[in-house]
Amino acid sequence: MASRLSAATPEDMAAIIQASVELRPEDLARIPGKGEAAALQWKHNLGQGASADLKVPGDMASRLAKVAISAVDAIGMRFCSVDIIDVEGEGLMVMEVNGGVMMDSLMSQMGESGKGLAAELYEAAVLEALNR
């Protein structure tokens, strides 16, 4: 089951998350049937074994940016990460806004390109904070 969850697409994860929200106590008292999906947990952070995929189509990237910027503006943060999911039938939803921007897992997965990306992001944030 863990390997199936780690291979799930964002759309699959949204469905799994929605299914777990809708679980009733009696659903937890039985064993799922063969081929039946069973939500185990919603966390799929990079630090917990998820893999990074930065290949986001342009239209989705702009939609994600709009939602992330709205969330950040709503709480007045300047440098943070925003966890967003695309829920079928609902659209993009903010799960959480993180004040700590940790990129260790991303860098270890992406190697040198991940280190370069992290350096660019942190440099841009520092320069912005210094108004340069």
Protein backbone atom coordinates (compact mmCIF):
# COMPACT_ATOMS: atom_id res chain seq x y z
CA MET A 1 0.00 0.00 0.00
CA ALA A 2 2.83 2.42 0.83
CA SER A 3 4.35 2.00 -2.62
CA ARG A 4 0.95 2.68 -4.23
CA LEU A 5 0.55 5.86 -2.18
CA SER A 6 4.03 7.11 -2.99
CA ALA A 7 3.34 6.56 -6.71
CA ALA A 8 -0.03 8.34 -6.60
CA THR A 9 -0.57 11.43 -8.71
CA PRO A 10 -1.73 14.69 -7.07
CA GLU A 11 -5.22 13.95 -8.40
CA ASP A 12 -5.12 10.47 -6.81
CA MET A 13 -3.93 11.96 -3.51
CA ALA A 14 -6.77 14.49 -3.54
CA ALA A 15 -9.26 11.63 -3.93
CA ILE A 16 -7.56 9.66 -1.16
CA ILE A 17 -7.62 12.68 1.14
CA GLN A 18 -11.28 13.32 0.41
CA ALA A 19 -12.07 9.65 1.07
CA SER A 20 -10.30 9.79 4.44
CA VAL A 21 -12.27 12.89 5.45
CA GLU A 22 -15.50 11.07 4.69
CA LEU A 23 -14.62 7.94 6.70
CA ARG A 24 -17.20 6.87 9.25
CA PRO A 25 -16.30 4.86 12.37
CA GLU A 26 -17.91 1.75 10.88
CA ASP A 27 -15.62 2.07 7.84
CA LEU A 28 -12.65 1.58 10.15
CA ALA A 29 -14.07 -1.64 11.59
CA ARG A 30 -13.67 -3.70 8.42
CA ILE A 31 -10.95 -4.82 6.03
CA PRO A 32 -11.12 -3.19 2.57
CA GLY A 33 -11.99 -5.52 -0.29
CA LYS A 34 -9.55 -6.47 -3.03
CA GLY A 35 -8.80 -3.43 -5.21
CA GLU A 36 -10.68 -1.09 -2.86
CA ALA A 37 -8.79 2.11 -1.99
CA ALA A 38 -8.19 2.76 1.68
CA ALA A 39 -6.96 6.14 2.93
CA LEU A 40 -4.15 5.66 5.42
CA GLN A 41 -2.82 9.14 5.99
CA TRP A 42 -2.81 12.48 4.23
CA LYS A 43 0.81 13.48 4.81
CA HIS A 44 2.99 13.22 1.73
CA ASN A 45 5.78 15.65 2.56
CA LEU A 46 9.14 15.32 0.83
CA GLY A 47 10.71 14.53 4.19
CA GLN A 48 8.36 11.56 4.56
CA GLY A 49 9.25 9.99 1.25
CA ALA A 50 7.21 11.85 -1.38
CA SER A 51 9.06 12.80 -4.55
CA ALA A 52 9.37 16.26 -6.05
CA ASP A 53 7.97 16.95 -9.50
CA LEU A 54 8.58 20.48 -10.74
CA LYS A 55 7.11 19.85 -14.20
CA VAL A 56 3.91 21.86 -13.79
CA PRO A 57 2.08 23.00 -16.95
CA GLY A 58 2.02 26.79 -17.40
CA ASP A 59 -1.72 27.19 -16.83
CA MET A 60 -1.55 25.20 -13.59
CA ALA A 61 1.57 27.07 -12.47
CA SER A 62 -0.23 30.40 -12.81
CA ARG A 63 -3.29 29.06 -10.96
CA LEU A 64 -1.07 27.73 -8.16
CA ALA A 65 0.79 31.05 -7.93
CA LYS A 66 -2.47 32.99 -7.66
CA VAL A 67 -3.77 30.78 -4.83
CA ALA A 68 -0.42 30.79 -3.00
CA ILE A 69 -0.05 34.57 -3.23
CA SER A 70 -3.61 35.06 -1.97
CA ALA A 71 -2.93 32.80 1.02
CA VAL A 72 0.35 34.55 1.82
CA ASP A 73 -1.22 38.00 1.50
CA ALA A 74 -4.13 36.96 3.73
CA ILE A 75 -1.82 36.17 6.64
CA GLY A 76 0.87 38.76 5.93
CA MET A 77 3.86 36.49 5.44
CA ARG A 78 6.90 37.51 3.39
CA PHE A 79 8.83 34.26 2.86
CA CYS A 80 7.13 30.91 3.28
CA SER A 81 5.96 27.79 1.50
CA VAL A 82 2.32 27.02 0.75
CA ASP A 83 0.98 23.46 0.50
CA ILE A 84 -1.80 23.30 -2.10
CA ILE A 85 -3.84 20.37 -3.39
CA ASP A 86 -6.13 20.13 -6.41
CA VAL A 87 -9.35 18.51 -5.19
CA GLU A 88 -11.54 17.00 -7.88
CA GLY A 89 -14.75 18.97 -8.17
CA GLU A 90 -13.50 21.62 -5.73
CA GLY A 91 -10.37 23.05 -7.32
CA LEU A 92 -7.20 24.25 -5.64
CA MET A 93 -7.21 24.30 -1.85
CA VAL A 94 -4.58 25.54 0.60
CA MET A 95 -3.66 22.88 3.15
CA GLU A 96 -1.16 24.94 5.14
CA VAL A 97 1.29 27.82 5.01
CA ASN A 98 4.73 27.05 6.45
CA GLY A 99 6.89 29.80 7.91
CA GLY A 100 9.97 27.60 7.65
CA VAL A 101 11.08 27.04 4.06
CA MET A 102 13.09 23.84 4.31
CA MET A 103 14.60 22.53 1.10
CA ASP A 104 16.88 19.74 2.35
CA SER A 105 14.72 16.94 0.94
CA LEU A 106 14.29 18.72 -2.39
CA MET A 107 18.04 19.27 -2.69
CA SER A 108 18.82 15.65 -1.87
CA GLN A 109 16.33 14.42 -4.51
CA MET A 110 17.42 16.83 -7.22
CA GLY A 111 21.17 16.87 -6.56
CA GLU A 112 23.10 19.84 -7.94
CA SER A 113 20.08 21.32 -9.75
CA GLY A 114 18.16 21.26 -6.45
CA LYS A 115 21.01 23.03 -4.68
CA GLY A 116 21.07 25.65 -7.43
CA LEU A 117 17.30 26.15 -7.20
CA ALA A 118 17.47 26.51 -3.41
CA ALA A 119 20.32 29.01 -3.70
CA GLU A 120 18.36 31.09 -6.24
CA LEU A 121 15.23 31.12 -4.08
CA TYR A 122 17.05 32.04 -0.87
CA GLU A 123 19.13 34.69 -2.64
CA ALA A 124 16.01 36.28 -4.16
CA ALA A 125 14.31 36.28 -0.75
CA VAL A 126 17.27 37.91 1.00
CA LEU A 127 17.68 40.55 -1.72
CA GLU A 128 13.95 41.30 -1.60
CA ALA A 129 14.14 41.65 2.19
CA LEU A 130 17.04 44.08 1.77
CA ASN A 131 15.10 45.91 -0.96
CA ARG A 132 17.79 45.43 -3.62
